[in-house]
Amino acid sequence: MTVITRFAPSPTGFLHIGNARTALFSRLFARHNKGKFLLRIEDTDRERWSQAAVDAIHDGMNWLGLDYDGEVVYQYSRKDRHKQVAEQLLAEGKAYKCYSSQEELNAMREAGFGYDRKWRDKNESDAPQDATYAVRLKSPLEGEIIVKDHVRGDVRVPASQIEDLVILRSDGTPTYNLAVVVDDHDMGVTHIIRGEDHLTNAAKQIVIYRLMGWNEPEFAHIPLIHGADGGKLSKRHGALGVSDYRDMGYLPEALQNYLLRLGWSHGNDEFISQEQAIEWFSLQGIGKSPSRFDFAKLDNLNAHYIREAENSRLVDLIIPILQKTIEFDYEIAKSRLPAAMNGLKQRAKTLLELADNAAFYVRATPLQLNEKAATILSDAGNIKIIDDLLPLYSALQDWSESETQNIAKAYGEANNIKLGNVAAPLRAALTGSNISPSVFDIMQVLGKAETIKRIEAYA
């Protein structure tokens, strides 16, 4: 049997972080088993549908690296097929026409009962003249439906709790549960991996599979993601959509790694590559308890992947961020920043931090000083250090990190000043800050001409 999984989002907004995890698990299970991972857009709600939401799903999946197989299936385009199945069930006596009015149905709900199956065994000749009808499924009246779930185990649902589902509305449109079952069957889906909020639908959908005589897929219902406070993840917890995390400066591989560990584990492994994830993934590794979203853990993962990333890639990612806040010469940035990444990426948790820390490399001279740098450069003793060092650096021919550091060391020893105190006014003049990578590494990245220019601004 070829394993086939699917991801079936509704295009009514952004790609939710919980849906992204569902897609990730579905894709990994398919790839692990050398099967297929399919994408279906469940766009039957035309009032809430928007092309922008469809685009957001594709954009989010592309950014996260969640590639799928074959062509996208759009559920709305298959409405005639869904209706055909409903009519087949009706013709075979496995479904019936329900003529109950909306007022009658509302009264049943207000009384605390489900549908009373009034029309299940009635003759159509008893129907009001010219009345519209919905098509309802003849669900079993006795026994139980067992949902064999890879996460929850066997979930037993008494047949008495499953009402006769509407599968075709009175306006002729198919309902969600019917459309999902028909599409999953026609797409050959063997394993359905989805959020546990769909667990209540599983028994209802199994009824449709059995009445149609179709093979039932295997299920895995994943616990939901909660916020740090234990509540269901919502807007009050911060970012919800995949695009939000991109805007906050997270790398796709970091978010993918974090989502993988959010409800799934492989021993004590924290940093898991995509190749390892495919090799190790199993449904047995999914936990039964809700996961809590922890930004501190995500930051830790992101910092790791920033350190591992190619310098040129990081430069390409932070330049657009910098362009939103400051003006600079693009060509200078492209030539100067790659060498700067080695020192900068060791302390950045996000791309926003990395861009902020890199900004001084491309800013125009004189730099805007932060409060502590301004204090450093307002001290007469520190200005004297800069004045004394300027001619020494101007005369230096071998502009290497070791030689620029040797000059500072020799000056400190000759004047009984610690190297850190010699470097402090240099750092303030070169970066506009009191915190930065090694001053001598910065000199290398800036080059002699820019270094002298920045020192002269405060000498």
Protein backbone atom coordinates (compact mmCIF):
# COMPACT_ATOMS: atom_id res chain seq x y z
CA MET A 1 0.00 0.00 0.00
CA THR A 2 1.26 3.44 -0.92
CA VAL A 3 0.84 5.84 1.99
CA ILE A 4 -1.07 8.96 0.95
CA THR A 5 -1.65 11.88 3.32
CA ARG A 6 -3.24 15.24 2.73
CA PHE A 7 -3.41 18.77 4.12
CA ALA A 8 -6.82 20.35 3.68
CA PRO A 9 -6.98 23.97 4.92
CA SER A 10 -9.88 26.38 4.47
CA PRO A 11 -8.84 29.62 2.71
CA THR A 12 -10.45 32.06 5.09
CA GLY A 13 -7.35 33.86 6.41
CA PHE A 14 -3.65 33.32 7.08
CA LEU A 15 -1.98 29.92 7.36
CA HIS A 16 -2.48 29.22 11.07
CA ILE A 17 0.52 27.93 12.99
CA GLY A 18 -1.50 24.89 14.13
CA ASN A 19 -2.43 24.07 10.55
CA ALA A 20 1.20 24.43 9.54
CA ARG A 21 2.15 21.79 12.13
CA THR A 22 -0.57 19.49 10.79
CA ALA A 23 0.80 19.93 7.27
CA LEU A 24 4.34 19.26 8.54
CA PHE A 25 3.35 16.02 10.29
CA SER A 26 1.35 14.86 7.27
CA ARG A 27 4.23 15.57 4.92
CA LEU A 28 6.84 13.90 7.14
CA PHE A 29 4.73 10.75 7.52
CA ALA A 30 4.30 10.51 3.75
CA ARG A 31 7.98 11.16 3.04
CA HIS A 32 9.09 8.69 5.74
CA ASN A 33 6.97 5.99 4.10
CA LYS A 34 7.99 7.03 0.56
CA GLY A 35 4.38 7.91 -0.14
CA LYS A 36 2.55 11.01 -1.36
CA PHE A 37 1.57 14.23 0.38
CA LEU A 38 -1.36 16.03 -1.26
CA LEU A 39 -2.87 19.49 -0.88
CA ARG A 40 -6.59 20.18 -0.99
CA ILE A 41 -8.07 23.64 -0.56
CA GLU A 42 -11.48 23.34 1.12
CA ASP A 43 -13.05 26.37 -0.49
CA THR A 44 -16.74 25.50 -0.40
CA ASP A 45 -17.58 28.45 1.90
CA ARG A 46 -17.72 30.99 -0.91
CA GLU A 47 -18.79 33.86 1.34
CA ARG A 48 -15.58 33.63 3.39
CA TRP A 49 -13.34 32.52 0.51
CA SER A 50 -10.72 34.92 -0.80
CA GLN A 51 -7.89 34.57 -3.30
CA ALA A 52 -5.61 36.37 -0.84
CA ALA A 53 -6.21 33.60 1.69
CA VAL A 54 -5.43 30.94 -0.92
CA ASP A 55 -2.23 32.79 -1.77
CA ALA A 56 -1.36 32.99 1.95
CA ILE A 57 -1.60 29.20 2.24
CA HIS A 58 0.71 28.67 -0.74
CA ASP A 59 3.10 31.37 0.45
CA GLY A 60 3.30 29.95 3.97
CA MET A 61 3.85 26.40 2.75
CA ASN A 62 6.52 27.48 0.27
CA TRP A 63 8.35 29.49 2.92
CA LEU A 64 8.30 26.59 5.39
CA GLY A 65 9.48 24.16 2.70
CA LEU A 66 6.32 22.04 2.80
CA ASP A 67 6.32 20.78 -0.77
CA TYR A 68 3.44 18.58 -1.90
CA ASP A 69 2.85 16.10 -4.72
CA GLY A 70 0.64 16.54 -7.78
CA GLU A 71 -1.87 19.27 -8.49
CA VAL A 72 -3.84 21.16 -5.86
CA VAL A 73 -7.40 19.91 -5.45
CA TYR A 74 -10.01 22.64 -5.01
CA GLN A 75 -13.01 21.23 -3.19
CA TYR A 76 -15.56 23.65 -4.65
CA SER A 77 -14.83 22.39 -8.16
CA ARG A 78 -15.93 18.90 -7.04
CA LYS A 79 -19.38 19.85 -5.75
CA ASP A 80 -21.12 17.87 -8.52
CA ARG A 81 -19.24 14.74 -7.47
CA HIS A 82 -20.27 15.27 -3.84
CA LYS A 83 -23.90 15.66 -4.90
CA GLN A 84 -23.66 12.52 -7.02
CA VAL A 85 -22.62 10.47 -3.96
CA ALA A 86 -25.49 11.92 -1.91
CA GLU A 87 -27.96 10.96 -4.64
CA GLN A 88 -26.45 7.47 -4.81
CA LEU A 89 -26.97 6.99 -1.08
CA LEU A 90 -30.52 8.27 -1.47
CA ALA A 91 -31.22 5.88 -4.35
CA GLU A 92 -29.84 2.93 -2.37
CA GLY A 93 -32.04 3.68 0.64
CA LYS A 94 -29.04 4.64 2.79
CA ALA A 95 -30.20 8.22 3.01
CA TYR A 96 -33.60 9.93 3.01
CA LYS A 97 -35.33 13.20 2.28
CA CYS A 98 -36.00 15.31 5.35
CA TYR A 99 -38.81 17.86 5.04
CA SER A 100 -38.54 19.30 8.57
CA SER A 101 -38.77 23.08 8.47
CA GLN A 102 -36.14 25.34 9.98
CA GLU A 103 -38.63 26.29 12.69
CA GLU A 104 -39.08 22.64 13.64
CA LEU A 105 -35.34 22.08 13.74
CA ASN A 106 -34.84 25.17 15.90
CA ALA A 107 -37.51 23.95 18.32
CA MET A 108 -35.74 20.58 18.65
CA ARG A 109 -32.45 22.32 19.46
CA GLU A 110 -34.07 24.62 22.01
CA ALA A 111 -35.62 21.58 23.68
CA GLY A 112 -32.14 20.10 24.00
CA PHE A 113 -32.62 17.25 21.54
CA GLY A 114 -30.98 16.41 18.27
CA TYR A 115 -32.94 15.72 15.13
CA ASP A 116 -35.80 13.34 15.96
CA ARG A 117 -35.47 11.29 12.73
CA LYS A 118 -39.08 12.21 11.94
CA TRP A 119 -38.73 11.61 8.22
CA ARG A 120 -36.41 8.57 8.37
CA ASP A 121 -39.15 6.02 7.74
CA LYS A 122 -41.98 8.24 6.51
CA ASN A 123 -43.38 8.01 3.04
CA GLU A 124 -42.59 10.94 0.77
CA SER A 125 -46.27 11.20 0.00
CA ASP A 126 -46.65 12.67 3.50
CA ALA A 127 -44.43 15.61 2.58
CA PRO A 128 -45.98 19.09 2.40
CA GLN A 129 -46.68 20.17 -1.15
CA ASP A 130 -43.82 22.04 -2.85
CA ALA A 131 -41.70 21.75 0.32
CA THR A 132 -37.93 21.76 0.06
CA TYR A 133 -35.92 18.96 1.63
CA ALA A 134 -32.45 18.15 2.85
CA VAL A 135 -30.89 14.74 2.36
CA ARG A 136 -29.97 12.98 5.62
CA LEU A 137 -27.85 9.91 6.17
CA LYS A 138 -29.38 6.81 7.75
CA SER A 139 -26.87 6.46 10.55
CA PRO A 140 -26.84 3.18 12.50
CA LEU A 141 -29.24 3.10 15.45
CA GLU A 142 -27.48 0.44 17.52
CA GLY A 143 -23.96 -0.56 18.44
CA GLU A 144 -20.98 1.75 18.33
CA ILE A 145 -18.53 3.28 15.92
CA ILE A 146 -14.89 2.68 16.83
CA VAL A 147 -12.38 5.27 15.62
CA LYS A 148 -8.99 3.55 15.58
CA ASP A 149 -6.70 6.47 16.25
CA HIS A 150 -2.89 6.37 16.26
CA VAL A 151 -2.72 9.01 18.99
CA ARG A 152 -5.88 8.43 21.05
CA GLY A 153 -6.18 4.67 20.69
CA ASP A 154 -9.66 3.26 20.15
CA VAL A 155 -12.29 5.97 20.55
CA ARG A 156 -15.74 4.39 20.97
CA VAL A 157 -18.81 6.39 20.03
CA PRO A 158 -22.29 4.93 20.71
CA ALA A 159 -24.40 4.95 17.55
CA SER A 160 -27.17 6.64 19.50
CA GLN A 161 -24.97 9.75 19.77
CA ILE A 162 -24.60 10.10 16.01
CA GLU A 163 -27.57 11.88 14.49
CA ASP A 164 -28.73 11.39 10.94
CA LEU A 165 -26.34 13.79 9.27
CA VAL A 166 -27.43 16.24 6.62
CA ILE A 167 -25.27 15.44 3.60
CA LEU A 168 -27.12 17.64 1.10
CA ARG A 169 -28.68 20.92 2.17
CA SER A 170 -32.10 22.06 0.99
CA ASP A 171 -30.42 24.34 -1.55
CA GLY A 172 -28.66 21.33 -3.07
CA THR A 173 -25.18 22.08 -1.72
CA PRO A 174 -23.17 19.26 -0.09
CA THR A 175 -22.12 19.50 3.55
CA TYR A 176 -18.59 19.46 4.97
CA ASN A 177 -18.55 15.88 6.24
CA LEU A 178 -19.77 14.46 2.94
CA ALA A 179 -17.35 16.52 0.84
CA VAL A 180 -14.37 15.56 3.01
CA VAL A 181 -15.10 11.84 2.82
CA VAL A 182 -15.71 11.85 -0.93
CA ASP A 183 -12.55 13.85 -1.61
CA ASP A 184 -10.37 11.75 0.70
CA HIS A 185 -11.67 8.57 -0.95
CA ASP A 186 -11.23 9.83 -4.50
CA MET A 187 -7.74 11.14 -3.70
CA GLY A 188 -6.77 7.73 -2.29
CA VAL A 189 -5.92 9.13 1.15
CA THR A 190 -4.79 6.32 3.46
CA HIS A 191 -3.90 8.32 6.59
CA ILE A 192 -5.66 11.41 7.89
CA ILE A 193 -3.51 13.46 10.28
CA ARG A 194 -5.34 16.48 11.70
CA GLY A 195 -6.13 18.43 14.87
CA GLU A 196 -8.08 16.76 17.65
CA ASP A 197 -10.89 19.28 17.15
CA HIS A 198 -11.86 17.06 14.20
CA LEU A 199 -12.12 13.93 16.36
CA THR A 200 -15.88 14.45 16.78
CA ASN A 201 -16.24 14.32 12.99
CA ALA A 202 -14.36 11.05 12.60
CA ALA A 203 -17.18 8.73 13.70
CA LYS A 204 -19.67 10.60 11.49
CA GLN A 205 -17.34 10.29 8.52
CA ILE A 206 -16.75 6.59 9.16
CA VAL A 207 -20.50 6.07 8.81
CA ILE A 208 -20.32 7.52 5.29
CA TYR A 209 -17.35 5.31 4.38
CA ARG A 210 -19.22 2.21 5.51
CA LEU A 211 -22.50 3.06 3.80
CA MET A 212 -20.56 3.63 0.56
CA GLY A 213 -18.58 0.41 1.03
CA TRP A 214 -15.25 2.27 0.88
CA ASN A 215 -12.04 1.44 2.72
CA GLU A 216 -11.63 3.57 5.81
CA PRO A 217 -8.45 5.61 6.21
CA GLU A 218 -6.36 5.48 9.37
CA PHE A 219 -6.61 8.46 11.71
CA ALA A 220 -4.22 10.42 13.91
CA HIS A 221 -5.78 13.33 15.78
CA ILE A 222 -3.10 15.68 17.14
CA PRO A 223 -3.58 17.59 20.42
CA LEU A 224 -4.01 21.31 19.92
CA ILE A 225 -1.34 23.94 20.55
CA HIS A 226 -1.89 26.03 23.67
CA GLY A 227 -0.36 29.32 24.73
CA ALA A 228 2.13 29.60 27.58
CA ASP A 229 -0.80 30.18 29.98
CA GLY A 230 -2.38 26.85 29.04
CA GLY A 231 -5.23 28.37 27.05
CA LYS A 232 -5.98 27.54 23.43
CA LEU A 233 -3.63 29.49 21.17
CA SER A 234 -5.27 32.75 20.16
CA LYS A 235 -4.46 36.32 19.16
CA ARG A 236 -3.79 37.28 22.77
CA HIS A 237 -0.74 34.99 22.73
CA GLY A 238 0.87 36.91 19.87
CA ALA A 239 1.62 35.61 16.39
CA LEU A 240 -0.81 33.10 14.92
CA GLY A 241 0.02 32.96 11.23
CA VAL A 242 3.15 31.56 9.62
CA SER A 243 3.77 34.94 7.96
CA ASP A 244 3.86 36.58 11.41
CA TYR A 245 6.86 34.47 12.38
CA ARG A 246 8.64 35.34 9.17
CA ASP A 247 8.05 39.04 9.88
CA MET A 248 9.38 38.56 13.41
CA GLY A 249 12.68 37.35 12.03
CA TYR A 250 12.48 33.58 12.37
CA LEU A 251 14.10 31.24 9.86
CA PRO A 252 11.83 28.64 8.22
CA GLU A 253 14.04 25.74 9.32
CA ALA A 254 13.88 26.98 12.92
CA LEU A 255 10.09 27.26 12.89
CA GLN A 256 9.79 23.87 11.20
CA ASN A 257 12.09 22.30 13.82
CA TYR A 258 10.09 23.96 16.60
CA LEU A 259 6.73 22.81 15.23
CA LEU A 260 8.09 19.29 14.89
CA ARG A 261 9.09 19.25 18.57
CA LEU A 262 5.76 20.81 19.55
CA GLY A 263 3.93 17.57 20.26
CA TRP A 264 6.41 15.05 18.80
CA SER A 265 9.69 13.79 20.16
CA HIS A 266 12.66 11.61 19.25
CA GLY A 267 14.53 10.95 22.47
CA ASN A 268 16.13 14.12 23.75
CA ASP A 269 17.00 15.49 20.31
CA GLU A 270 16.30 19.21 20.02
CA PHE A 271 18.02 20.27 16.79
CA ILE A 272 16.55 18.08 14.05
CA SER A 273 17.34 18.59 10.38
CA GLN A 274 14.72 18.03 7.71
CA GLU A 275 16.52 14.87 6.60
CA GLN A 276 16.54 13.50 10.15
CA ALA A 277 12.88 14.42 10.61
CA ILE A 278 11.91 12.37 7.55
CA GLU A 279 14.05 9.45 8.72
CA TRP A 280 12.77 9.44 12.30
CA PHE A 281 9.13 10.55 12.06
CA SER A 282 6.42 8.17 13.25
CA LEU A 283 2.89 8.61 14.51
CA GLN A 284 3.88 6.81 17.71
CA GLY A 285 6.09 9.78 18.61
CA ILE A 286 3.11 12.16 18.86
CA GLY A 287 2.17 13.01 22.45
CA LYS A 288 -1.38 12.90 23.80
CA SER A 289 -1.27 16.15 25.77
CA PRO A 290 -1.63 19.68 24.36
CA SER A 291 1.66 21.45 23.67
CA ARG A 292 2.46 24.89 25.04
CA PHE A 293 3.97 27.42 22.69
CA ASP A 294 7.17 28.78 24.21
CA PHE A 295 8.86 31.71 22.48
CA ALA A 296 12.03 31.23 24.54
CA LYS A 297 12.51 27.74 23.06
CA LEU A 298 11.77 29.03 19.57
CA ASP A 299 14.33 31.82 20.08
CA ASN A 300 16.91 29.26 21.16
CA LEU A 301 16.31 27.17 18.04
CA ASN A 302 16.37 30.23 15.81
CA ALA A 303 19.66 31.41 17.28
CA HIS A 304 21.13 27.98 16.53
CA TYR A 305 20.01 28.06 12.90
CA ILE A 306 21.23 31.64 12.46
CA ARG A 307 24.68 30.54 13.63
CA GLU A 308 24.57 27.62 11.19
CA ALA A 309 23.36 29.67 8.21
CA GLU A 310 25.58 30.79 5.32
CA ASN A 311 26.71 34.40 5.71
CA SER A 312 25.58 35.34 2.19
CA ARG A 313 22.09 34.03 2.89
CA LEU A 314 21.84 36.02 6.11
CA VAL A 315 22.92 39.18 4.30
CA ASP A 316 20.22 38.68 1.68
CA LEU A 317 17.65 38.25 4.46
CA ILE A 318 18.61 41.27 6.57
CA ILE A 319 19.13 43.84 3.80
CA PRO A 320 15.36 44.16 3.15
CA ILE A 321 14.86 44.58 6.92
CA LEU A 322 17.49 47.33 7.05
CA GLN A 323 16.00 49.07 4.01
CA LYS A 324 12.77 49.62 5.95
CA THR A 325 14.52 51.69 8.62
CA ILE A 326 17.68 53.34 7.28
CA GLU A 327 19.19 54.62 4.06
CA PHE A 328 22.47 53.08 2.91
CA ASP A 329 24.46 52.14 -0.15
CA TYR A 330 23.28 48.71 -1.30
CA GLU A 331 26.59 47.76 -2.94
CA ILE A 332 28.55 48.69 0.18
CA ALA A 333 26.20 46.57 2.27
CA LYS A 334 26.57 43.58 -0.07
CA SER A 335 30.36 43.80 0.03
CA ARG A 336 30.79 44.65 3.73
CA LEU A 337 28.18 42.59 5.56
CA PRO A 338 29.18 39.00 4.64
CA ALA A 339 32.43 39.29 6.58
CA ALA A 340 30.57 40.93 9.46
CA MET A 341 28.22 37.99 9.92
CA ASN A 342 30.77 35.79 11.68
CA GLY A 343 30.91 38.19 14.60
CA LEU A 344 27.26 39.25 14.55
CA LYS A 345 25.41 35.96 14.19
CA GLN A 346 26.85 34.52 17.39
CA ARG A 347 24.59 36.70 19.54
CA ALA A 348 21.40 37.20 17.48
CA LYS A 349 18.18 35.34 18.29
CA THR A 350 16.20 36.65 15.32
CA LEU A 351 16.89 38.24 11.95
CA LEU A 352 15.48 41.49 13.33
CA GLU A 353 18.14 41.47 16.04
CA LEU A 354 20.79 40.54 13.49
CA ALA A 355 19.76 43.42 11.23
CA ASP A 356 19.68 45.85 14.14
CA ASN A 357 23.16 44.76 15.26
CA ALA A 358 24.49 45.01 11.70
CA ALA A 359 23.09 48.46 10.99
CA PHE A 360 26.20 50.35 12.14
CA TYR A 361 28.24 48.70 9.38
CA VAL A 362 26.22 50.46 6.66
CA ARG A 363 25.17 53.70 8.36
CA ALA A 364 26.65 56.97 7.15
CA THR A 365 29.31 58.76 9.22
CA PRO A 366 29.01 60.35 11.73
CA LEU A 367 27.02 57.66 13.51
CA GLN A 368 24.19 58.35 15.87
CA LEU A 369 25.43 57.39 19.33
CA ASN A 370 23.42 55.53 21.93
CA GLU A 371 23.40 56.99 25.45
CA LYS A 372 26.32 54.95 26.77
CA ALA A 373 28.46 55.51 23.66
CA ALA A 374 27.79 59.25 23.92
CA THR A 375 28.93 59.17 27.57
CA ILE A 376 32.12 57.32 26.58
CA LEU A 377 32.96 59.86 23.87
CA SER A 378 32.23 62.83 26.10
CA ASP A 379 35.07 61.80 28.40
CA ALA A 380 38.30 63.73 27.82
CA GLY A 381 40.46 60.72 28.61
CA ASN A 382 38.71 58.63 25.98
CA ILE A 383 39.02 61.37 23.38
CA LYS A 384 42.77 61.50 24.11
CA ILE A 385 42.98 57.74 23.43
CA ILE A 386 41.32 58.26 20.04
CA ASP A 387 43.56 61.25 19.26
CA ASP A 388 46.66 59.24 20.12
CA LEU A 389 45.61 56.15 18.14
CA LEU A 390 44.49 57.98 14.99
CA PRO A 391 47.99 58.68 13.58
CA LEU A 392 49.15 55.17 14.53
CA TYR A 393 46.30 53.55 12.59
CA SER A 394 46.67 56.04 9.71
CA ALA A 395 50.29 54.96 9.28
CA LEU A 396 49.56 51.22 9.54
CA GLN A 397 50.30 49.42 6.28
CA ASP A 398 49.38 45.84 7.25
CA TRP A 399 45.67 46.30 7.95
CA SER A 400 45.11 42.91 9.59
CA GLU A 401 43.14 42.07 12.72
CA SER A 402 46.28 41.04 14.56
CA GLU A 403 48.15 44.27 13.70
CA THR A 404 45.28 46.61 14.61
CA GLN A 405 45.02 44.79 17.92
CA ASN A 406 48.81 44.96 18.48
CA ILE A 407 48.73 48.73 18.14
CA ALA A 408 45.99 49.00 20.77
CA LYS A 409 47.84 46.58 23.07
CA ALA A 410 51.15 48.43 22.75
CA TYR A 411 49.43 51.76 23.37
CA GLY A 412 47.71 50.39 26.47
CA GLU A 413 50.91 48.92 27.89
CA ALA A 414 52.82 52.15 27.27
CA ASN A 415 50.15 54.22 29.02
CA ASN A 416 49.14 51.68 31.69
CA ILE A 417 45.61 51.33 30.27
CA LYS A 418 43.81 47.99 30.03
CA LEU A 419 43.03 46.80 26.51
CA GLY A 420 39.27 46.89 27.25
CA ASN A 421 39.51 50.55 28.18
CA VAL A 422 41.47 51.30 25.00
CA ALA A 423 38.86 49.50 22.92
CA ALA A 424 35.85 51.23 24.53
CA PRO A 425 36.17 54.64 22.80
CA LEU A 426 37.13 52.91 19.54
CA ARG A 427 33.99 50.80 19.76
CA ALA A 428 31.82 53.84 20.45
CA ALA A 429 33.29 55.75 17.50
CA LEU A 430 33.10 52.81 15.08
CA THR A 431 29.66 51.48 16.01
CA GLY A 432 27.80 54.23 17.89
CA SER A 433 27.24 51.68 20.66
CA ASN A 434 28.93 50.31 23.75
CA ILE A 435 28.20 46.71 22.72
CA SER A 436 29.49 45.01 19.58
CA PRO A 437 31.64 42.18 18.28
CA SER A 438 35.43 42.53 18.60
CA VAL A 439 36.59 46.06 17.76
CA PHE A 440 39.45 44.65 15.72
CA ASP A 441 37.11 42.38 13.77
CA ILE A 442 35.00 45.47 13.04
CA MET A 443 38.08 47.30 11.75
CA GLN A 444 38.73 44.45 9.34
CA VAL A 445 35.17 44.51 8.03
CA LEU A 446 35.05 48.30 7.66
CA GLY A 447 38.50 48.51 6.07
CA LYS A 448 41.14 51.11 6.77
CA ALA A 449 39.56 54.08 5.00
CA GLU A 450 36.17 53.77 6.71
CA THR A 451 37.75 53.04 10.08
CA ILE A 452 39.92 56.18 9.90
CA LYS A 453 36.93 58.21 8.72
CA ARG A 454 34.83 57.13 11.71
CA ILE A 455 37.62 57.72 14.23
CA GLU A 456 38.30 61.19 12.78
CA ALA A 457 34.65 62.13 13.32
CA TYR A 458 35.22 62.04 17.09
CA ALA A 459 38.97 62.83 17.35
